[in-house]
Amino acid sequence: MTDRKIRFAVVGGGQISQQAFMPGISRAKNATLAALVTGDPVKADRLAAQYNIPAYHYDDLPRLIASDEIDAFYLATPNALHPKHAIPILEGGKNLLLEKAMAGSMKDAEAIIAAQKKGGGKLMIAYRLHCEPGTLEMIDRSRKGEFGDILFFSASFGQNFAEANHRGHSGYWSGPVPDLGTYPLNALRNLMGREPVGVSAHGFRTPGRGFSFDDTVAVTLRFEGHGLASFTVSYTCAPVEEIRLAGTRASVRASPCFMFGPDTGISYTVTTEEGTRTFSHKPTEQFGGEIGYFSDCILNNTNPEPDGEEGLMDMRVLEAIERALATGQEQILPPAARRKRPELSQARDFPPVKEPAPDEMISIVPQSP
């Protein structure tokens, strides 16, 4: 370790950047906020003044990539636009923390991985829960066999999403499956320690709502030999987030389990024949935690666990869900195996920061009314 700090540029000044990343980086003592890239002149002026950093337009990005002013980029533009900026960042040899879902297609996700291999920088997909202590503890217990052979998993994740937000009218890849569904999908893959081979999905559009996609979707995943998983996501329901996991030795329930914030701590219960035990974790700064972990990887020249392959494993399922919704048929996936899984050593437990309120953020339409 050294006293050097990784200098981050934020690409995209939307809600997640303003609400979480830009405040949260202050908790990572090995990182600093060094620049903002945005196409919005109001965001550029006000956020640059607020954080005392320079602001650049997207047209300036090639010069910023080529400069020695920035060590790493945080990319939080819409999923389908990720390749436009991720590929030149990575081909330029810079490090990239890329928001999930990784892209808008498998083809684009594979191109991003190819760019990382070409440029040699580090690529981490921003699975913040891979650095959250409670989540990692659950995964570690499952991996050690404390819950037995995992037979089935179910989850729900929903919110009342604002239709005025640009994501409400941009098709499947801006809808609830890639947005909310990535969380239960990623959780089930790592808690079960397996990759699905069959994908089915059904959805509907809630009467009276105007989204350009199925706003509520139920997904069933089938695994080779045995094992089932299901999750339901929605943009039109009251807030809900829950995991249920059933193994031959124990059942597990977690709620809250996907969200973040200064009042959100991941808690779960484990039920066996001997009774039920609760494991509670205090709120932690999840964005500062993932920034700190990624910065450690850069400074120590180690590869981050949630890398391009992890993102690709989710992408192949997300793309299969899209096909299943369109055809009504189960989609068959070839067997796959993940070479890495999250480890307890990735946990970062920082005090949570105060988030700006929706009316304190600049030039955004909040996702929830």
Protein backbone atom coordinates (compact mmCIF):
# COMPACT_ATOMS: atom_id res chain seq x y z
CA MET A 1 0.00 0.00 0.00
CA THR A 2 1.05 3.62 -0.61
CA ASP A 3 -0.28 7.07 0.23
CA ARG A 4 -1.25 7.56 -3.40
CA LYS A 5 -4.91 8.22 -4.17
CA ILE A 6 -6.67 7.01 -7.31
CA ARG A 7 -8.06 10.01 -9.20
CA PHE A 8 -11.58 9.30 -10.49
CA ALA A 9 -13.51 11.06 -13.22
CA VAL A 10 -17.28 10.59 -13.18
CA VAL A 11 -18.79 10.11 -16.65
CA GLY A 12 -22.50 10.92 -16.51
CA GLY A 13 -24.04 13.27 -13.97
CA GLY A 14 -27.35 11.50 -13.42
CA GLN A 15 -29.07 10.50 -10.20
CA ILE A 16 -26.78 7.64 -9.18
CA SER A 17 -23.67 9.80 -9.63
CA GLN A 18 -25.09 12.75 -7.70
CA GLN A 19 -26.91 10.79 -5.04
CA ALA A 20 -24.34 8.13 -4.25
CA PHE A 21 -20.98 8.03 -6.05
CA MET A 22 -19.88 11.65 -5.73
CA PRO A 23 -20.72 11.91 -1.99
CA GLY A 24 -19.59 8.33 -1.25
CA ILE A 25 -16.06 8.65 -2.61
CA SER A 26 -15.14 10.78 0.39
CA ARG A 27 -15.15 7.64 2.57
CA ALA A 28 -12.51 5.91 0.43
CA LYS A 29 -9.22 7.27 1.73
CA ASN A 30 -7.34 5.80 -1.23
CA ALA A 31 -9.42 7.68 -3.84
CA THR A 32 -10.38 11.21 -4.77
CA LEU A 33 -12.92 12.84 -7.06
CA ALA A 34 -10.93 14.60 -9.78
CA ALA A 35 -13.31 15.46 -12.65
CA LEU A 36 -16.82 15.30 -14.06
CA VAL A 37 -17.80 14.56 -17.66
CA THR A 38 -21.32 15.63 -18.63
CA GLY A 39 -23.23 17.06 -21.54
CA ASP A 40 -25.36 19.26 -19.27
CA PRO A 41 -23.86 22.75 -18.79
CA VAL A 42 -25.92 23.38 -15.64
CA LYS A 43 -24.64 20.18 -14.03
CA ALA A 44 -21.14 21.03 -15.19
CA ASP A 45 -21.16 24.46 -13.55
CA ARG A 46 -22.92 23.59 -10.30
CA LEU A 47 -21.36 20.21 -9.57
CA ALA A 48 -17.89 21.46 -10.47
CA ALA A 49 -18.34 24.29 -7.98
CA GLN A 50 -19.82 22.02 -5.31
CA TYR A 51 -16.96 19.51 -5.47
CA ASN A 52 -14.20 21.91 -6.55
CA ILE A 53 -13.35 19.84 -9.62
CA PRO A 54 -13.07 20.61 -13.33
CA ALA A 55 -15.98 19.69 -15.60
CA TYR A 56 -15.61 18.44 -19.16
CA HIS A 57 -17.98 17.81 -22.04
CA TYR A 58 -18.22 14.35 -23.61
CA ASP A 59 -16.36 15.77 -26.59
CA ASP A 60 -13.38 16.31 -24.28
CA LEU A 61 -13.26 12.69 -23.14
CA PRO A 62 -10.53 11.54 -25.59
CA ARG A 63 -8.21 14.27 -24.28
CA LEU A 64 -8.97 13.31 -20.69
CA ILE A 65 -8.30 9.64 -21.40
CA ALA A 66 -4.94 10.51 -22.97
CA SER A 67 -3.92 12.80 -20.13
CA ASP A 68 -2.15 11.87 -16.91
CA GLU A 69 -4.75 13.73 -14.83
CA ILE A 70 -7.08 10.75 -14.31
CA ASP A 71 -6.35 7.19 -13.12
CA ALA A 72 -9.85 5.71 -13.28
CA PHE A 73 -13.30 6.48 -14.65
CA TYR A 74 -16.73 5.77 -13.18
CA LEU A 75 -19.20 5.31 -16.03
CA ALA A 76 -22.88 5.78 -15.18
CA THR A 77 -24.57 6.61 -18.49
CA PRO A 78 -27.58 4.56 -19.73
CA ASN A 79 -26.71 0.90 -20.30
CA ALA A 80 -27.02 0.99 -24.07
CA LEU A 81 -24.55 3.89 -24.22
CA HIS A 82 -21.86 2.18 -22.14
CA PRO A 83 -19.77 0.91 -25.09
CA LYS A 84 -19.51 4.40 -26.60
CA HIS A 85 -17.39 5.56 -23.67
CA ALA A 86 -16.22 2.32 -22.01
CA ILE A 87 -14.36 1.06 -25.09
CA PRO A 88 -12.18 4.17 -25.63
CA ILE A 89 -11.52 4.45 -21.88
CA LEU A 90 -10.33 0.86 -21.69
CA GLU A 91 -8.46 0.86 -25.01
CA GLY A 92 -6.67 3.95 -23.71
CA GLY A 93 -5.27 1.86 -20.85
CA LYS A 94 -7.33 3.52 -18.11
CA ASN A 95 -9.14 1.76 -15.27
CA LEU A 96 -12.94 1.63 -15.39
CA LEU A 97 -15.65 1.14 -12.77
CA LEU A 98 -18.66 0.38 -14.96
CA GLU A 99 -22.23 0.55 -13.70
CA LYS A 100 -24.47 -2.46 -14.17
CA ALA A 101 -26.02 -3.81 -16.24
CA MET A 102 -22.79 -3.97 -18.20
CA ALA A 103 -24.26 -3.03 -21.60
CA GLY A 104 -27.34 -3.38 -23.78
CA SER A 105 -26.34 -6.66 -25.45
CA MET A 106 -23.92 -9.57 -25.13
CA LYS A 107 -22.12 -8.32 -28.24
CA ASP A 108 -21.45 -4.95 -26.62
CA ALA A 109 -20.41 -6.55 -23.32
CA GLU A 110 -17.91 -8.77 -25.14
CA ALA A 111 -16.55 -5.71 -26.97
CA ILE A 112 -15.98 -3.98 -23.62
CA ILE A 113 -14.06 -7.00 -22.32
CA ALA A 114 -11.98 -7.06 -25.51
CA ALA A 115 -11.16 -3.37 -25.02
CA GLN A 116 -9.98 -4.05 -21.48
CA LYS A 117 -7.68 -6.83 -22.67
CA LYS A 118 -6.31 -4.57 -25.40
CA GLY A 119 -5.61 -1.59 -23.16
CA GLY A 120 -4.48 -3.44 -20.04
CA GLY A 121 -6.31 -1.33 -17.46
CA LYS A 122 -8.59 -2.85 -14.85
CA LEU A 123 -12.33 -3.30 -15.37
CA MET A 124 -14.69 -3.68 -12.44
CA ILE A 125 -18.45 -3.95 -12.81
CA ALA A 126 -20.07 -1.85 -10.07
CA TYR A 127 -21.67 -4.62 -8.02
CA ARG A 128 -21.53 -2.61 -4.80
CA LEU A 129 -22.96 -5.51 -2.78
CA HIS A 130 -19.79 -7.49 -3.55
CA CYS A 131 -18.13 -5.20 -1.00
CA GLU A 132 -21.02 -5.10 1.51
CA PRO A 133 -20.30 -7.12 4.71
CA GLY A 134 -23.74 -8.70 5.21
CA THR A 135 -24.05 -9.86 1.61
CA LEU A 136 -20.55 -11.30 1.59
CA GLU A 137 -21.25 -13.08 4.88
CA MET A 138 -24.33 -14.77 3.39
CA ILE A 139 -22.40 -15.84 0.29
CA ASP A 140 -19.53 -17.15 2.41
CA ARG A 141 -21.88 -19.21 4.58
CA SER A 142 -23.57 -20.63 1.52
CA ARG A 143 -20.24 -21.52 -0.08
CA LYS A 144 -19.11 -23.30 3.10
CA GLY A 145 -22.22 -25.47 2.99
CA GLU A 146 -23.90 -24.10 6.11
CA PHE A 147 -27.24 -23.98 4.27
CA GLY A 148 -26.72 -27.38 2.63
CA ASP A 149 -27.43 -28.08 -1.03
CA ILE A 150 -29.38 -25.07 -2.32
CA LEU A 151 -32.62 -26.32 -3.86
CA PHE A 152 -34.45 -23.10 -4.69
CA PHE A 153 -34.22 -19.33 -4.48
CA SER A 154 -36.91 -16.67 -4.77
CA ALA A 155 -36.77 -12.89 -4.61
CA SER A 156 -38.78 -9.75 -5.26
CA PHE A 157 -37.60 -6.23 -5.96
CA GLY A 158 -39.94 -3.42 -6.89
CA GLN A 159 -40.67 0.28 -6.65
CA ASN A 160 -43.06 2.88 -8.00
CA PHE A 161 -40.92 4.29 -10.79
CA ALA A 162 -41.55 7.78 -12.18
CA GLU A 163 -42.67 7.61 -15.79
CA ALA A 164 -41.28 11.09 -16.42
CA ASN A 165 -37.76 9.71 -15.95
CA HIS A 166 -36.05 9.04 -19.30
CA ARG A 167 -35.66 5.37 -18.41
CA GLY A 168 -39.42 4.87 -18.55
CA HIS A 169 -39.53 5.16 -22.34
CA SER A 170 -36.29 3.62 -23.58
CA GLY A 171 -37.22 -0.03 -24.04
CA TYR A 172 -36.31 -3.30 -22.32
CA TRP A 173 -32.70 -2.42 -21.49
CA SER A 174 -33.80 0.61 -19.47
CA GLY A 175 -36.63 -1.28 -17.79
CA PRO A 176 -37.02 -3.22 -14.53
CA VAL A 177 -35.26 -6.43 -15.59
CA PRO A 178 -31.77 -5.00 -16.33
CA ASP A 179 -32.24 -2.29 -13.67
CA LEU A 180 -33.78 -4.08 -10.68
CA GLY A 181 -33.47 -7.67 -11.88
CA THR A 182 -29.69 -7.58 -11.96
CA TYR A 183 -29.71 -7.59 -8.14
CA PRO A 184 -31.63 -10.83 -7.49
CA LEU A 185 -29.99 -12.43 -10.54
CA ASN A 186 -26.52 -11.66 -9.23
CA ALA A 187 -27.46 -12.71 -5.71
CA LEU A 188 -28.87 -16.08 -6.77
CA ARG A 189 -25.88 -16.88 -8.97
CA ASN A 190 -23.45 -16.30 -6.12
CA LEU A 191 -25.54 -17.73 -3.27
CA MET A 192 -26.27 -20.88 -5.28
CA GLY A 193 -22.76 -20.93 -6.76
CA ARG A 194 -24.10 -22.13 -10.11
CA GLU A 195 -25.02 -20.76 -13.53
CA PRO A 196 -28.49 -21.37 -15.04
CA VAL A 197 -29.12 -23.37 -18.19
CA GLY A 198 -32.81 -22.54 -18.76
CA VAL A 199 -34.58 -19.16 -18.66
CA SER A 200 -38.35 -18.49 -18.75
CA ALA A 201 -40.13 -15.16 -18.26
CA HIS A 202 -43.58 -13.61 -18.28
CA GLY A 203 -44.53 -9.97 -17.94
CA PHE A 204 -47.33 -7.47 -18.24
CA ARG A 205 -47.96 -3.74 -18.50
CA THR A 206 -49.93 -2.35 -15.56
CA PRO A 207 -53.21 -0.69 -16.65
CA GLY A 208 -53.02 3.07 -16.40
CA ARG A 209 -49.24 3.22 -16.68
CA GLY A 210 -47.35 4.30 -19.79
CA PHE A 211 -44.00 2.49 -19.81
CA SER A 212 -42.61 1.31 -23.16
CA PHE A 213 -41.93 -2.21 -21.82
CA ASP A 214 -43.41 -4.83 -19.49
CA ASP A 215 -43.25 -3.01 -16.17
CA THR A 216 -43.69 -6.17 -14.08
CA VAL A 217 -41.79 -9.34 -14.95
CA ALA A 218 -41.47 -12.77 -13.35
CA VAL A 219 -38.43 -14.91 -14.23
CA THR A 220 -37.73 -18.59 -13.61
CA LEU A 221 -34.25 -20.06 -13.95
CA ARG A 222 -33.46 -23.74 -14.24
CA PHE A 223 -30.12 -25.32 -13.36
CA GLU A 224 -28.49 -28.45 -14.70
CA GLY A 225 -29.51 -31.53 -12.74
CA HIS A 226 -31.52 -29.85 -10.02
CA GLY A 227 -32.21 -26.42 -8.59
CA LEU A 228 -34.67 -23.64 -9.41
CA ALA A 229 -34.63 -19.89 -8.93
CA SER A 230 -37.28 -17.26 -9.48
CA PHE A 231 -37.58 -13.52 -9.06
CA THR A 232 -40.16 -10.85 -9.79
CA VAL A 233 -39.39 -7.20 -10.48
CA SER A 234 -41.73 -4.26 -10.95
CA TYR A 235 -41.73 -0.54 -11.69
CA THR A 236 -45.34 -0.10 -10.58
CA CYS A 237 -45.60 -1.49 -7.05
CA ALA A 238 -45.03 -0.29 -3.50
CA PRO A 239 -41.38 -0.68 -2.42
CA VAL A 240 -40.38 -4.30 -1.86
CA GLU A 241 -37.07 -6.17 -1.59
CA GLU A 242 -36.66 -9.69 -0.29
CA ILE A 243 -34.59 -12.85 -0.77
CA ARG A 244 -35.63 -16.36 0.26
CA LEU A 245 -33.22 -19.26 -0.08
CA ALA A 246 -33.99 -22.91 0.74
CA GLY A 247 -31.27 -25.49 1.26
CA THR A 248 -31.20 -28.99 2.68
CA ARG A 249 -29.82 -27.72 6.01
CA ALA A 250 -31.30 -24.25 6.39
CA SER A 251 -33.58 -21.65 4.89
CA VAL A 252 -32.56 -18.00 4.64
CA ARG A 253 -34.58 -14.80 4.42
CA ALA A 254 -33.01 -11.39 3.79
CA SER A 255 -34.73 -7.98 3.80
CA PRO A 256 -33.52 -5.34 3.12
CA CYS A 257 -31.09 -6.93 0.71
CA PHE A 258 -30.60 -4.80 -2.43
CA MET A 259 -30.91 -1.09 -1.61
CA PHE A 260 -28.42 1.38 -0.15
CA GLY A 261 -28.53 4.48 2.03
CA PRO A 262 -27.56 5.85 5.44
CA ASP A 263 -30.41 3.94 7.10
CA THR A 264 -30.12 0.65 5.17
CA GLY A 265 -28.25 -2.25 6.74
CA ILE A 266 -28.33 -5.75 5.23
CA SER A 267 -29.93 -8.23 7.64
CA TYR A 268 -30.91 -11.87 7.25
CA THR A 269 -32.30 -14.78 9.25
CA VAL A 270 -31.24 -18.43 9.09
CA THR A 271 -33.74 -21.11 10.11
CA THR A 272 -32.73 -24.69 10.89
CA GLU A 273 -34.28 -27.52 12.91
CA GLU A 274 -32.74 -25.90 15.99
CA GLY A 275 -34.51 -22.58 15.46
CA THR A 276 -34.05 -19.18 13.83
CA ARG A 277 -31.08 -16.86 14.20
CA THR A 278 -30.87 -13.28 12.95
CA PHE A 279 -27.69 -11.70 11.58
CA SER A 280 -27.86 -7.91 11.46
CA HIS A 281 -25.39 -5.50 9.91
CA LYS A 282 -25.37 -1.78 10.47
CA PRO A 283 -25.68 0.60 7.50
CA THR A 284 -22.45 1.03 5.57
CA GLU A 285 -21.30 3.33 2.78
CA GLN A 286 -21.74 0.94 -0.13
CA PHE A 287 -20.46 3.24 -2.88
CA GLY A 288 -17.44 4.32 -0.87
CA GLY A 289 -16.81 0.64 -0.18
CA GLU A 290 -16.73 -0.41 -3.82
CA ILE A 291 -14.56 2.62 -4.68
CA GLY A 292 -12.14 1.73 -1.88
CA TYR A 293 -11.96 -1.90 -2.98
CA PHE A 294 -11.41 -1.04 -6.65
CA SER A 295 -8.76 1.52 -5.72
CA ASP A 296 -6.97 -1.12 -3.64
CA CYS A 297 -6.96 -3.39 -6.68
CA ILE A 298 -5.43 -0.64 -8.83
CA LEU A 299 -2.83 0.36 -6.26
CA ASN A 300 -1.80 -3.25 -5.55
CA ASN A 301 -2.11 -4.43 -9.18
CA THR A 302 -4.65 -7.13 -8.35
CA ASN A 303 -7.67 -8.01 -10.46
CA PRO A 304 -11.09 -7.09 -9.03
CA GLU A 305 -13.50 -9.96 -8.45
CA PRO A 306 -16.59 -8.47 -10.11
CA ASP A 307 -14.78 -8.21 -13.43
CA GLY A 308 -15.98 -8.38 -17.01
CA GLU A 309 -16.71 -12.09 -16.75
CA GLU A 310 -19.04 -11.48 -13.80
CA GLY A 311 -20.88 -8.85 -15.79
CA LEU A 312 -21.07 -11.17 -18.79
CA MET A 313 -22.59 -14.00 -16.71
CA ASP A 314 -25.47 -11.70 -15.82
CA MET A 315 -25.71 -10.30 -19.34
CA ARG A 316 -26.26 -13.70 -20.93
CA VAL A 317 -29.25 -14.25 -18.64
CA LEU A 318 -30.64 -10.73 -19.13
CA GLU A 319 -30.49 -11.17 -22.89
CA ALA A 320 -32.17 -14.59 -22.59
CA ILE A 321 -34.98 -13.02 -20.51
CA GLU A 322 -35.54 -10.51 -23.31
CA ARG A 323 -35.89 -13.39 -25.80
CA ALA A 324 -38.16 -15.34 -23.45
CA LEU A 325 -40.49 -12.36 -23.08
CA ALA A 326 -40.63 -11.91 -26.85
CA THR A 327 -41.21 -15.58 -27.71
CA GLY A 328 -42.96 -17.02 -24.68
CA GLN A 329 -40.52 -19.93 -24.88
CA GLU A 330 -37.86 -21.15 -22.47
CA GLN A 331 -34.41 -20.10 -23.61
CA ILE A 332 -31.65 -22.70 -23.30
CA LEU A 333 -28.19 -21.54 -22.26
CA PRO A 334 -25.01 -23.58 -22.64
CA PRO A 335 -23.43 -24.70 -19.35
CA ALA A 336 -21.08 -22.11 -17.89
CA ALA A 337 -18.90 -21.77 -14.81
CA ARG A 338 -17.65 -18.63 -13.10
CA ARG A 339 -13.93 -18.65 -12.37
CA LYS A 340 -14.25 -16.28 -9.39
CA ARG A 341 -16.76 -15.73 -6.61
CA PRO A 342 -16.99 -12.92 -4.04
CA GLU A 343 -14.72 -13.28 -1.00
CA LEU A 344 -15.04 -11.93 2.55
CA SER A 345 -11.79 -10.01 2.04
CA GLN A 346 -13.65 -7.69 -0.35
CA ALA A 347 -15.78 -6.25 2.46
CA ARG A 348 -15.38 -2.56 3.21
CA ASP A 349 -17.25 -1.14 6.20
CA PHE A 350 -17.28 2.67 6.06
CA PRO A 351 -19.72 5.01 7.84
CA PRO A 352 -22.51 6.03 5.45
CA VAL A 353 -22.55 9.55 4.04
CA LYS A 354 -25.54 11.85 3.95
CA GLU A 355 -27.26 11.64 0.59
CA PRO A 356 -28.63 14.72 -1.13
CA ALA A 357 -32.42 14.90 -1.24
CA PRO A 358 -34.11 14.70 -4.65
CA ASP A 359 -34.70 18.46 -4.71
CA GLU A 360 -31.01 19.05 -3.97
CA MET A 361 -29.86 17.17 -7.06
CA ILE A 362 -29.33 19.05 -10.30
CA SER A 363 -31.29 18.67 -13.53
CA ILE A 364 -32.70 15.21 -12.84
CA VAL A 365 -36.12 13.60 -12.73
CA PRO A 366 -36.02 11.38 -9.60
CA GLN A 367 -36.63 7.72 -10.35
CA SER A 368 -39.26 7.43 -7.61
CA PRO A 369 -41.95 10.09 -7.18
